[in-house]
Protein backbone atom coordinates (compact mmCIF):
# COMPACT_ATOMS: atom_id res chain seq x y z
CA MET A 1 -24.68 -14.27 13.12
CA ASP A 2 -22.18 -12.73 15.42
CA LEU A 3 -19.77 -15.98 14.97
CA PHE A 4 -19.99 -15.46 11.01
CA LEU A 5 -19.26 -11.69 11.20
CA ILE A 6 -16.03 -12.70 13.60
CA VAL A 7 -14.76 -15.31 11.06
CA ALA A 8 -15.48 -13.22 7.97
CA GLY A 9 -13.69 -10.06 9.72
CA GLY A 10 -10.84 -12.56 10.80
CA GLY A 11 -10.48 -13.35 7.06
CA LEU A 12 -10.35 -10.20 5.93
CA LEU A 13 -7.45 -9.41 8.20
CA LEU A 14 -5.78 -12.09 6.96
CA LEU A 15 -6.56 -11.05 3.23
CA GLY A 16 -5.70 -7.63 4.23
CA LEU A 17 -2.44 -8.76 5.55
CA VAL A 18 -1.69 -10.68 2.31
CA GLY A 19 -2.60 -7.75 0.45
CA CYS A 20 0.21 -5.60 1.98
CA VAL A 21 2.77 -7.43 -0.29
CA LEU A 22 0.39 -8.56 -3.09
CA PRO A 23 0.25 -5.04 -4.84
CA VAL A 24 -3.36 -6.43 -6.44
CA LEU A 25 -5.17 -6.45 -3.09
CA PRO A 26 -5.85 -3.32 -1.01
CA GLY A 27 -4.29 -4.71 2.17
CA PRO A 28 -5.44 -1.95 4.96
CA PRO A 29 -8.76 -1.30 3.22
CA LEU A 30 -9.66 -4.86 3.56
CA ALA A 31 -8.35 -5.05 7.00
CA PHE A 32 -10.45 -2.03 8.07
CA VAL A 33 -13.58 -3.60 6.43
CA GLY A 34 -12.79 -6.62 8.74
CA LEU A 35 -12.70 -4.17 11.58
CA VAL A 36 -15.92 -2.77 10.73
CA LEU A 37 -17.63 -6.21 10.56
CA LEU A 38 -16.60 -6.96 14.23
CA HIS A 39 -18.17 -3.31 15.00
CA PHE A 40 -21.25 -4.78 13.91
CA THR A 41 -21.64 -7.89 15.98
CA ALA A 42 -23.84 -7.66 19.08
CA GLY A 43 -21.05 -8.90 21.82
CA TYR A 44 -18.16 -6.55 20.53
CA ASP A 45 -18.23 -2.95 20.11
CA VAL A 46 -15.32 -1.12 18.22
CA PRO A 47 -15.48 2.53 19.49
CA THR A 48 -16.59 5.00 16.66
CA VAL A 49 -13.40 7.01 16.93
CA GLN A 50 -11.18 3.99 16.79
CA LEU A 51 -12.87 3.11 13.63
CA LEU A 52 -12.40 6.81 12.28
CA VAL A 53 -8.70 6.67 13.03
CA THR A 54 -8.29 3.20 11.40
CA ALA A 55 -10.06 4.30 8.39
CA LEU A 56 -8.07 7.60 8.05
CA LEU A 57 -4.69 5.40 8.50
CA ALA A 58 -5.93 2.64 6.00
CA GLY A 59 -7.15 5.42 3.46
CA ALA A 60 -4.00 7.60 4.08
CA ILE A 61 -1.49 4.55 3.58
CA THR A 62 -3.31 3.49 0.49
CA VAL A 63 -3.23 6.66 -1.31
CA LEU A 64 0.50 7.29 -0.41
CA ASP A 65 1.45 3.80 -1.31
CA TYR A 66 0.88 5.14 -5.05
CA TYR A 67 2.66 8.22 -4.52
CA LEU A 68 5.85 6.99 -2.45
CA PRO A 69 7.58 5.27 -5.71
CA ILE A 70 7.34 8.87 -7.31
CA TRP A 71 8.64 10.48 -4.23
CA GLY A 72 11.78 8.25 -4.01
CA THR A 73 12.53 8.80 -7.66
CA LYS A 74 12.60 12.48 -6.87
CA LYS A 75 14.58 12.30 -3.83
CA LEU A 76 17.26 10.32 -5.14
CA GLY A 77 17.77 12.68 -8.14
CA GLY A 78 15.30 11.83 -10.49
CA THR A 79 14.45 14.95 -13.14
CA GLN A 80 10.70 15.38 -14.33
CA ARG A 81 11.26 12.94 -17.05
CA GLY A 82 12.06 10.26 -14.39
CA ILE A 83 9.02 11.09 -12.40
CA TRP A 84 6.79 11.08 -15.33
CA GLY A 85 8.40 7.82 -16.41
CA SER A 86 7.76 6.03 -12.77
CA THR A 87 4.30 7.34 -12.97
CA ILE A 88 3.50 6.01 -16.32
CA GLY A 89 5.33 3.07 -14.93
CA LEU A 90 3.42 2.62 -12.05
CA ILE A 91 -0.07 2.96 -14.38
CA VAL A 92 1.08 0.49 -17.11
CA GLY A 93 2.44 -1.97 -14.46
CA LEU A 94 -0.62 -1.77 -12.27
CA PHE A 95 -2.85 -2.84 -15.20
CA PHE A 96 -0.91 -4.95 -17.72
CA PHE A 97 1.61 -6.77 -15.35
CA PRO A 98 -0.28 -7.35 -12.17
CA PRO A 99 0.73 -8.26 -9.50
CA PHE A 100 4.64 -7.43 -10.00
CA GLY A 101 4.08 -4.52 -12.40
CA ILE A 102 3.37 -2.16 -9.63
CA ILE A 103 6.86 -2.96 -8.39
CA ILE A 104 8.76 -3.13 -11.80
CA GLY A 105 6.95 -0.53 -13.67
CA PRO A 106 7.88 2.42 -11.82
CA PHE A 107 11.37 1.05 -11.84
CA VAL A 108 11.73 0.53 -15.24
CA GLY A 109 9.67 3.86 -16.05
CA ALA A 110 11.90 5.79 -14.03
CA PHE A 111 15.08 4.26 -15.76
CA ILE A 112 13.63 5.08 -19.19
CA GLY A 113 12.51 8.43 -18.38
CA GLU A 114 15.83 9.53 -17.20
CA MET A 115 17.71 7.90 -20.10
CA MET A 116 15.66 9.99 -22.32
CA ASP A 117 16.65 12.97 -20.51
CA ASN A 118 20.14 12.15 -20.01
CA ASP A 119 22.79 9.36 -21.16
CA ASP A 120 24.06 8.78 -17.70
CA VAL A 121 23.19 5.19 -16.66
CA GLY A 122 24.41 5.77 -13.29
CA LYS A 123 21.83 8.60 -12.64
CA ALA A 124 19.33 6.74 -14.27
CA LEU A 125 19.68 3.57 -12.12
CA ARG A 126 19.67 5.96 -8.70
CA SER A 127 16.54 7.44 -10.04
CA ALA A 128 14.85 3.90 -10.40
CA VAL A 129 16.18 2.64 -7.23
CA GLY A 130 14.58 5.81 -5.80
CA SER A 131 11.26 4.36 -7.22
CA LEU A 132 11.95 0.99 -5.66
CA VAL A 133 12.85 2.35 -2.36
CA GLY A 134 9.33 4.48 -2.35
CA PHE A 135 7.57 1.08 -2.88
CA PHE A 136 9.25 -0.78 -0.30
CA VAL A 137 8.44 2.31 2.25
CA GLY A 138 4.85 2.06 0.86
CA THR A 139 4.90 -1.75 1.89
CA VAL A 140 6.31 -1.13 5.36
CA GLY A 141 3.59 1.58 5.90
CA LYS A 142 0.81 -0.73 4.61
CA LEU A 143 1.96 -3.62 7.15
CA LEU A 144 2.02 -1.01 10.08
CA VAL A 145 -1.44 -0.13 9.56
CA THR A 146 -2.66 -3.44 8.95
CA PHE A 147 -0.90 -4.73 12.04
CA TYR A 148 -2.39 -1.99 14.14
CA ILE A 149 -5.87 -3.02 12.62
CA ILE A 150 -5.61 -6.60 13.75
CA TRP A 151 -4.34 -5.39 17.01
CA VAL A 152 -7.43 -3.32 17.47
CA PHE A 153 -9.42 -6.37 16.44
CA ILE A 154 -7.84 -8.75 18.37
CA SER A 155 -7.67 -6.59 21.56
CA THR A 156 -11.61 -5.74 21.07
CA LEU A 157 -12.22 -9.40 21.13
CA TRP A 158 -10.34 -10.23 24.27
CA PHE A 159 -10.65 -7.16 26.68
């Protein structure tokens, strides 16, 4: 049974890593579940504090990943309409155009929102780029958290 849990946990780690770049899969939570499977083996014990830390990190970066495109829009000068456009674009893209809708949706939504507020194409593009930057920052964050979870998994097995 231990071998099954270790292999399944390793598979979830790999799936979690893929989920960091494919927006359809929740990368860090999948990797965390892989770590939990390792915790339930008889031969290896992941400390409870380590599980709590990784759970908090995985949950926090998952929530932040949805907020960062909106934050990026705001930071690069987006107006309230651009922020709303980015939010609506995120939701529409997430549900109607997976997996790439989560990238394109906020970008297009912020651009359309800014164009409704003002005819300045440059400002609208800057706001839309902000949503794209937010997406990439979220992706890097997810990768960092997932690599940390993978490191905890491997170090528990080997040390």
